[in-house]
Each structure stands twice: as structure tokens, then as C-alpha cells.
Amino acid sequence: MKTLTIGLLWHSINSGNLGVGALTIGNIALIRRAAEAAGLPVRFVILGFVDPGRPAYVEGADIEFVRLNTKAMVPAGRFTARCDSAIA
């Protein structure tokens, strides 16, 4: 069975803004629950910025993080092409 890859654009693994962190954690939890109910394996690719000096609080074997910074912006088209679906 194919693993469903979900892209989370502009999400964060360590934001000092806890609302941003809650959005990331909540989206992952909701998608995991829906995928489990559908019998689909799921993995996540998160595209976002890192807050320097803050530890990551969003982690997991099924989570990949693509780091953005002001010098090297990954074009959204290339990023979303790797995903079955993407949420901004």
C-alpha cells in the first residue's frame, strides 16, 4: 500500500509562537486520525522556518522537515510536487 505524503507549508517544528506550534501539532493529529480511519499509512513533509536556539517539539519517524531561510527559499511548486496533498 502506498504511503500518503502530506505537505504542511508554513508550519513550524519549533516556533516560539505557540499558536503556530499548536497549528502544526493539531493538523498532524487530525490528518493521522483521518488516515488511520481510512486505513492509509501517512507521512508528513513540513516546510517552514526554524526559530534559532529553540528545540524541536514536533518530531516523529513519519515527519520530514524542509527548512526555509531568507537566503534559500524552496519554490512551493517543487515542494508540493513531492506530496500527494499540501496544506498551507
Protein backbone atom coordinates (compact mmCIF):
# COMPACT_ATOMS: atom_id res chain seq x y z
CA MET A 1 0.00 0.00 0.00
CA LYS A 2 1.30 3.43 -0.95
CA THR A 3 2.08 5.83 1.87
CA LEU A 4 0.19 9.10 1.59
CA THR A 5 2.58 12.08 1.76
CA ILE A 6 1.09 15.29 3.17
CA GLY A 7 2.93 18.59 2.87
CA LEU A 8 2.44 21.21 5.59
CA LEU A 9 3.54 24.56 4.17
CA TRP A 10 4.47 27.43 6.51
CA HIS A 11 4.26 25.19 9.57
CA SER A 12 6.98 25.01 12.21
CA ILE A 13 8.69 22.36 14.32
CA ASN A 14 9.93 24.79 16.99
CA SER A 15 8.19 28.15 16.76
CA GLY A 16 8.35 30.44 19.76
CA ASN A 17 4.79 31.40 18.79
CA LEU A 18 2.94 28.55 20.48
CA GLY A 19 -0.12 29.14 18.29
CA VAL A 20 1.96 28.21 15.25
CA GLY A 21 3.17 25.11 17.07
CA ALA A 22 -0.39 24.19 18.06
CA LEU A 23 -1.49 24.55 14.43
CA THR A 24 1.27 22.17 13.31
CA ILE A 25 0.60 19.59 16.03
CA GLY A 26 -3.17 19.83 15.54
CA ASN A 27 -3.01 19.41 11.76
CA ILE A 28 -0.76 16.37 12.12
CA ALA A 29 -3.08 14.80 14.73
CA LEU A 30 -6.20 15.36 12.61
CA ILE A 31 -4.59 14.01 9.45
CA ARG A 32 -3.18 10.96 11.29
CA ARG A 33 -6.66 10.21 12.69
CA ALA A 34 -8.31 10.50 9.26
CA ALA A 35 -5.61 8.40 7.58
CA GLU A 36 -5.91 5.72 10.26
CA ALA A 37 -9.70 5.62 9.83
CA ALA A 38 -9.18 5.19 6.06
CA GLY A 39 -6.54 2.52 6.58
CA LEU A 40 -3.83 4.60 4.90
CA PRO A 41 -0.25 4.97 6.07
CA VAL A 42 0.76 8.64 6.15
CA ARG A 43 3.95 10.68 6.34
CA PHE A 44 4.46 14.43 6.62
CA VAL A 45 6.82 16.89 4.96
CA ILE A 46 6.85 20.21 6.83
CA LEU A 47 8.10 23.31 5.01
CA GLY A 48 8.87 26.22 7.30
CA PHE A 49 11.25 28.42 9.23
CA VAL A 50 13.27 27.45 12.30
CA ASP A 51 13.47 29.65 15.39
CA PRO A 52 17.21 29.63 16.21
CA GLY A 53 18.16 28.25 19.61
CA ARG A 54 14.79 26.61 20.25
CA PRO A 55 14.49 22.82 20.47
CA ALA A 56 12.18 21.00 18.09
CA TYR A 57 8.92 19.93 19.70
CA VAL A 58 7.36 18.43 16.56
CA GLU A 59 9.19 15.21 15.75
CA GLY A 60 8.47 11.70 14.59
CA ALA A 61 9.64 8.91 12.35
CA ASP A 62 6.94 9.91 9.87
CA ILE A 63 7.91 13.61 9.81
CA GLU A 64 10.47 15.24 7.49
CA PHE A 65 11.33 18.91 7.87
CA VAL A 66 12.41 21.13 4.96
CA ARG A 67 14.00 24.27 6.36
CA LEU A 68 13.38 27.66 4.81
CA ASN A 69 15.56 30.68 5.34
CA THR A 70 15.70 34.13 3.80
CA LYS A 71 18.66 33.22 1.56
CA ALA A 72 17.30 29.98 0.13
CA MET A 73 13.55 29.80 -0.44
CA VAL A 74 12.36 26.47 -1.81
CA PRO A 75 9.88 27.09 -4.61
CA ALA A 76 6.47 25.85 -3.45
CA GLY A 77 5.88 24.06 -6.75
CA ARG A 78 8.92 21.82 -6.29
CA PHE A 79 7.93 21.14 -2.71
CA THR A 80 4.32 20.28 -3.41
CA ALA A 81 5.30 18.04 -6.33
CA ARG A 82 6.72 15.63 -3.72
CA CYS A 83 3.40 15.48 -1.87
CA ASP A 84 0.05 13.85 -2.52
CA SER A 85 -1.62 16.83 -0.84
CA ALA A 86 -0.42 20.07 0.75
CA ILE A 87 -1.90 22.34 3.43
CA ALA A 88 -0.86 25.97 3.82
